[in-house]
Amino acid sequence: MIHSGSRNMGKRIGDHFNKLGKDLNEKWYSQTFLPFLPANSIEGTDYLSWMDFALRFAFLNRQVMIQEVKTVFEKIFPTIKWVTSQVVDDTVNDLINIHHNYCKLENHHGKNVWVHRKGAIRVYNATGLIPGSMGTSSYVVKSLNNHMSMFSASHGAGRKMGRREFARKMKYSHDQIENSLKGIIHTKFGEFTYGKDKGLKDVSEAPGAYKDISEVMKNQMDLVDILVELRPIISIKG
C-alpha cells in the first residue's frame, strides 16, 4: 500500500485560490462563511484545472513509487508474484487507486452538486482502500453504494490530534511508541526542522496519533464491506 499526495503543490494551489476567493468575496460583499469561486467563472475553472493537475501529479507519484518498490522486491525475491487481481476482481492493471481531499461535480438526490471530500473517499461500484496507521490494520473495501453518504467512506482512521501537539505530548514516551510498533520493521522517526518544535522528534505517524481503526470500520458498516484486512510488516516513510 503506497501513499503520496501532490508533494506540497496541492497546498500551494489551494492557498492561492483560497486567497483569491477571499479577495473576490470582499469585493462582492459576500456574506458566506467560507470563500468561494463560481464554478463557471474564469477563476473557478482555473482552480478546477489546477486541482485536477495536482491529482494527476499525485497519481503519477504513486505509480513511480509502486514500480520502485516492486523492483526492489523482485530483486530480493526473484520468484515473487503480484496477485492483486486474484484477490480483488475489479482492479485495473492490478492497481487500486483512491483520491481524497478533492471536489467533484456529481448528481445526488436529483441535483448536480459539488462534493468536496476532505478525509473521505468516493466508493461507488468500486473497490477502495482505508488505511489505519503504520502500526495498525488497513483495509481493502467494497462499496455498498450508500446514497445517503453520497457514496463516500472514510479516508482512514483520522488523527486524534495535530502532528506537533502529539509529538509534544509524547516527548518523554518514545519507548511506548516503539512498543506499539513491536514486530514491525519501520524507518526511524525524524525531527521537526523548523518552528518552535525544531529538533523535537517527529512521531506524528505513530499508531497512538490516530483513532482506533477497528472502531472507525464498525461505524461505517453501512458504507462498505471489508474484503481484505492488511496487517503491517514493513512501514517506510520517505
Protein backbone atom coordinates (compact mmCIF):
# COMPACT_ATOMS: atom_id res chain seq x y z
CA MET A 1 0.00 0.00 0.00
CA ILE A 2 1.52 3.28 -1.19
CA HIS A 3 0.56 6.82 -0.23
CA SER A 4 1.69 10.04 -1.84
CA GLY A 5 -0.04 13.31 -2.43
CA SER A 6 0.99 16.18 -4.68
CA ARG A 7 4.10 16.92 -2.62
CA ASN A 8 3.01 20.35 -1.28
CA MET A 9 1.89 21.57 -4.70
CA GLY A 10 -1.76 20.87 -3.84
CA LYS A 11 -1.49 23.00 -0.71
CA ARG A 12 0.04 25.87 -2.65
CA ILE A 13 -2.72 25.65 -5.27
CA GLY A 14 -5.36 25.58 -2.53
CA ASP A 15 -3.82 28.52 -0.66
CA HIS A 16 -3.59 30.59 -3.85
CA PHE A 17 -7.20 30.11 -4.88
CA ASN A 18 -8.50 30.39 -1.31
CA LYS A 19 -6.89 33.83 -1.04
CA LEU A 20 -8.25 34.73 -4.47
CA GLY A 21 -11.72 33.69 -3.30
CA LYS A 22 -11.42 35.79 -0.14
CA ASP A 23 -10.35 38.87 -2.12
CA LEU A 24 -13.18 38.49 -4.64
CA ASN A 25 -15.76 37.76 -1.95
CA GLU A 26 -14.81 41.01 -0.19
CA LYS A 27 -15.18 42.82 -3.49
CA TRP A 28 -18.63 41.24 -3.99
CA TYR A 29 -19.66 41.96 -0.35
CA SER A 30 -20.36 38.26 0.07
CA GLN A 31 -21.85 37.15 3.40
CA THR A 32 -20.83 33.48 3.06
CA PHE A 33 -18.85 31.88 5.88
CA LEU A 34 -16.31 30.28 3.52
CA PRO A 35 -14.77 31.96 0.47
CA PHE A 36 -15.97 30.64 -2.88
CA LEU A 37 -15.36 30.91 -6.61
CA PRO A 38 -18.25 30.48 -9.09
CA ALA A 39 -17.63 27.23 -10.97
CA ASN A 40 -18.33 28.88 -14.34
CA SER A 41 -16.04 31.86 -13.74
CA ILE A 42 -12.52 32.15 -15.13
CA GLU A 43 -11.14 31.84 -11.60
CA GLY A 44 -13.35 28.84 -10.83
CA THR A 45 -12.45 26.93 -13.97
CA ASP A 46 -8.77 27.75 -13.40
CA TYR A 47 -9.00 26.30 -9.89
CA LEU A 48 -10.65 23.09 -11.10
CA SER A 49 -7.98 22.67 -13.78
CA TRP A 50 -5.14 23.16 -11.29
CA MET A 51 -6.79 20.82 -8.77
CA ASP A 52 -7.08 18.15 -11.45
CA PHE A 53 -3.42 18.69 -12.31
CA ALA A 54 -2.44 18.12 -8.65
CA LEU A 55 -4.50 14.91 -8.52
CA ARG A 56 -2.88 13.57 -11.68
CA PHE A 57 0.58 14.53 -10.41
CA ALA A 58 -0.10 12.65 -7.14
CA PHE A 59 -1.28 9.60 -9.09
CA LEU A 60 1.94 9.60 -11.15
CA ASN A 61 3.97 9.86 -7.92
CA ARG A 62 2.29 6.72 -6.64
CA GLN A 63 2.86 4.85 -9.88
CA VAL A 64 6.60 5.62 -9.75
CA MET A 65 6.79 4.60 -6.09
CA ILE A 66 4.96 1.33 -6.76
CA GLN A 67 7.35 0.45 -9.57
CA GLU A 68 10.37 1.23 -7.39
CA VAL A 69 9.06 -0.97 -4.57
CA LYS A 70 8.25 -3.80 -6.97
CA THR A 71 11.74 -3.60 -8.48
CA VAL A 72 13.34 -3.95 -5.03
CA PHE A 73 11.11 -6.87 -4.05
CA GLU A 74 11.75 -8.66 -7.36
CA LYS A 75 15.50 -8.26 -6.82
CA ILE A 76 15.34 -9.74 -3.32
CA PHE A 77 12.61 -12.31 -4.04
CA PRO A 78 13.03 -13.35 -7.72
CA THR A 79 10.02 -15.72 -7.62
CA ILE A 80 7.59 -13.18 -6.15
CA LYS A 81 4.12 -12.96 -7.73
CA TRP A 82 1.80 -9.95 -7.72
CA VAL A 83 -1.72 -11.21 -7.09
CA THR A 84 -3.91 -8.15 -6.57
CA SER A 85 -6.37 -9.09 -9.31
CA GLN A 86 -6.66 -12.62 -7.91
CA VAL A 87 -7.79 -11.18 -4.57
CA VAL A 88 -9.89 -8.25 -5.81
CA ASP A 89 -11.57 -8.82 -9.15
CA ASP A 90 -12.21 -5.26 -10.38
CA THR A 91 -8.71 -3.78 -10.35
CA VAL A 92 -7.21 -2.10 -13.40
CA ASN A 93 -3.68 -3.31 -14.13
CA ASP A 94 -3.52 -4.76 -10.59
CA LEU A 95 -3.93 -1.26 -9.18
CA ILE A 96 -6.46 0.15 -6.69
CA ASN A 97 -6.23 3.94 -6.92
CA ILE A 98 -8.03 6.23 -4.48
CA HIS A 99 -8.04 10.04 -4.25
CA HIS A 100 -9.03 12.04 -1.19
CA ASN A 101 -9.26 15.75 -0.47
CA TYR A 102 -10.72 16.96 -3.74
CA CYS A 103 -14.03 18.17 -5.16
CA LYS A 104 -16.10 16.76 -7.97
CA LEU A 105 -19.38 17.62 -9.71
CA GLU A 106 -21.82 14.77 -9.03
CA ASN A 107 -25.54 14.10 -9.11
CA HIS A 108 -27.12 13.29 -5.76
CA HIS A 109 -30.79 13.19 -4.79
CA GLY A 110 -31.77 14.62 -8.15
CA LYS A 111 -29.39 17.58 -8.05
CA ASN A 112 -25.99 18.36 -9.55
CA VAL A 113 -23.77 19.35 -6.62
CA TRP A 114 -20.08 19.95 -5.96
CA VAL A 115 -18.93 17.37 -3.43
CA HIS A 116 -15.75 18.17 -1.50
CA ARG A 117 -14.30 15.08 0.16
CA LYS A 118 -11.89 16.07 2.90
CA GLY A 119 -10.74 12.98 4.76
CA ALA A 120 -13.14 10.91 2.69
CA ILE A 121 -13.06 8.76 -0.43
CA ARG A 122 -15.61 8.08 -3.15
CA VAL A 123 -16.72 4.45 -3.34
CA TYR A 124 -19.34 3.84 -6.00
CA ASN A 125 -19.41 0.41 -7.65
CA ALA A 126 -15.73 0.22 -6.79
CA THR A 127 -13.02 -1.11 -4.53
CA GLY A 128 -11.44 1.27 -2.03
CA LEU A 129 -8.53 1.48 0.41
CA ILE A 130 -8.93 2.63 4.02
CA PRO A 131 -5.59 2.88 5.86
CA GLY A 132 -5.15 2.69 9.62
CA SER A 133 -1.61 3.67 10.60
CA MET A 134 1.95 2.37 10.32
CA GLY A 135 1.23 0.03 13.23
CA THR A 136 -2.42 -0.97 12.74
CA SER A 137 -4.51 -2.72 10.11
CA SER A 138 -5.61 -1.22 6.81
CA TYR A 139 -8.49 -2.43 4.68
CA VAL A 140 -9.45 -3.18 1.11
CA VAL A 141 -13.17 -2.50 0.92
CA LYS A 142 -16.10 -2.84 -1.46
CA SER A 143 -18.65 -0.07 -1.79
CA LEU A 144 -22.21 -0.65 -0.58
CA ASN A 145 -23.30 2.34 -2.72
CA ASN A 146 -24.99 4.14 0.15
CA HIS A 147 -26.56 7.20 -1.48
CA MET A 148 -27.15 8.84 1.92
CA SER A 149 -23.38 9.31 2.26
CA MET A 150 -23.11 10.47 -1.37
CA PHE A 151 -21.22 7.22 -1.99
CA SER A 152 -18.48 8.24 0.44
CA ALA A 153 -16.49 6.46 3.14
CA SER A 154 -13.70 7.50 5.48
CA HIS A 155 -10.23 8.06 4.07
CA GLY A 156 -8.65 6.40 7.10
CA ALA A 157 -8.54 6.27 10.87
CA GLY A 158 -8.22 10.01 11.28
CA ARG A 159 -5.99 11.82 13.75
CA LYS A 160 -6.67 12.20 17.45
CA MET A 161 -4.72 15.46 17.49
CA GLY A 162 -2.39 17.61 15.41
CA ARG A 163 1.07 16.38 14.43
CA ARG A 164 3.08 18.74 16.63
CA GLU A 165 0.65 18.51 19.53
CA PHE A 166 1.06 14.72 19.61
CA ALA A 167 4.85 14.96 19.33
CA ARG A 168 4.95 17.33 22.32
CA LYS A 169 2.66 15.08 24.35
CA MET A 170 4.83 12.01 23.66
CA LYS A 171 8.17 13.80 24.14
CA TYR A 172 9.14 11.53 27.05
CA SER A 173 7.22 8.41 25.93
CA HIS A 174 9.19 7.18 22.92
CA ASP A 175 9.59 3.72 24.44
CA GLN A 176 5.80 3.44 24.48
CA ILE A 177 5.71 4.30 20.77
CA GLU A 178 8.35 1.71 19.92
CA ASN A 179 6.41 -0.93 21.87
CA SER A 180 3.32 -0.13 19.79
CA LEU A 181 5.40 -0.96 16.69
CA LYS A 182 6.91 -4.16 18.03
CA GLY A 183 7.42 -6.73 15.28
CA ILE A 184 7.10 -4.11 12.51
CA ILE A 185 10.16 -3.02 10.56
CA HIS A 186 9.96 0.76 10.19
CA THR A 187 12.07 3.76 9.34
CA LYS A 188 13.42 5.85 12.22
CA PHE A 189 11.43 8.89 13.25
CA GLY A 190 12.95 12.16 12.14
CA GLU A 191 12.83 15.59 13.75
CA PHE A 192 10.94 18.79 13.08
CA THR A 193 13.25 21.10 11.16
CA TYR A 194 11.58 24.48 11.74
CA GLY A 195 9.42 26.43 14.17
CA LYS A 196 9.41 26.28 17.97
CA ASP A 197 9.46 22.45 17.82
CA LYS A 198 12.70 22.35 15.83
CA GLY A 199 14.75 19.36 16.98
CA LEU A 200 11.76 17.61 18.58
CA LYS A 201 11.35 14.02 17.40
CA ASP A 202 8.54 13.84 14.82
CA VAL A 203 6.48 10.84 15.95
CA SER A 204 3.32 12.17 14.30
CA GLU A 205 2.82 8.97 12.28
CA ALA A 206 2.92 6.68 15.33
CA PRO A 207 -0.18 4.50 15.88
CA GLY A 208 -1.14 6.40 19.02
CA ALA A 209 -1.64 9.58 17.00
CA TYR A 210 -4.61 8.00 15.24
CA LYS A 211 -8.09 6.87 16.22
CA ASP A 212 -8.91 3.18 16.63
CA ILE A 213 -9.29 1.95 13.03
CA SER A 214 -11.39 -1.06 14.09
CA GLU A 215 -13.89 1.31 15.70
CA VAL A 216 -13.87 3.50 12.59
CA MET A 217 -14.66 0.48 10.43
CA LYS A 218 -17.52 -0.57 12.72
CA ASN A 219 -19.00 2.90 12.38
CA GLN A 220 -19.19 2.63 8.59
CA MET A 221 -20.55 -0.89 8.18
CA ASP A 222 -23.44 0.62 6.19
CA LEU A 223 -20.98 2.22 3.72
CA VAL A 224 -18.50 -0.54 2.83
CA ASP A 225 -17.85 -4.26 3.14
CA ILE A 226 -14.35 -5.38 4.17
CA LEU A 227 -12.75 -7.58 1.51
CA VAL A 228 -9.21 -7.87 2.92
CA GLU A 229 -7.58 -6.83 6.19
CA LEU A 230 -3.93 -5.90 5.75
CA ARG A 231 -1.58 -6.03 8.74
CA PRO A 232 1.71 -4.08 8.53
CA ILE A 233 5.01 -5.91 8.36
CA ILE A 234 7.21 -3.17 6.89
CA SER A 235 6.44 0.54 7.13
CA ILE A 236 8.65 3.01 5.27
CA LYS A 237 8.26 6.77 5.23
CA GLY A 238 10.25 8.63 2.56
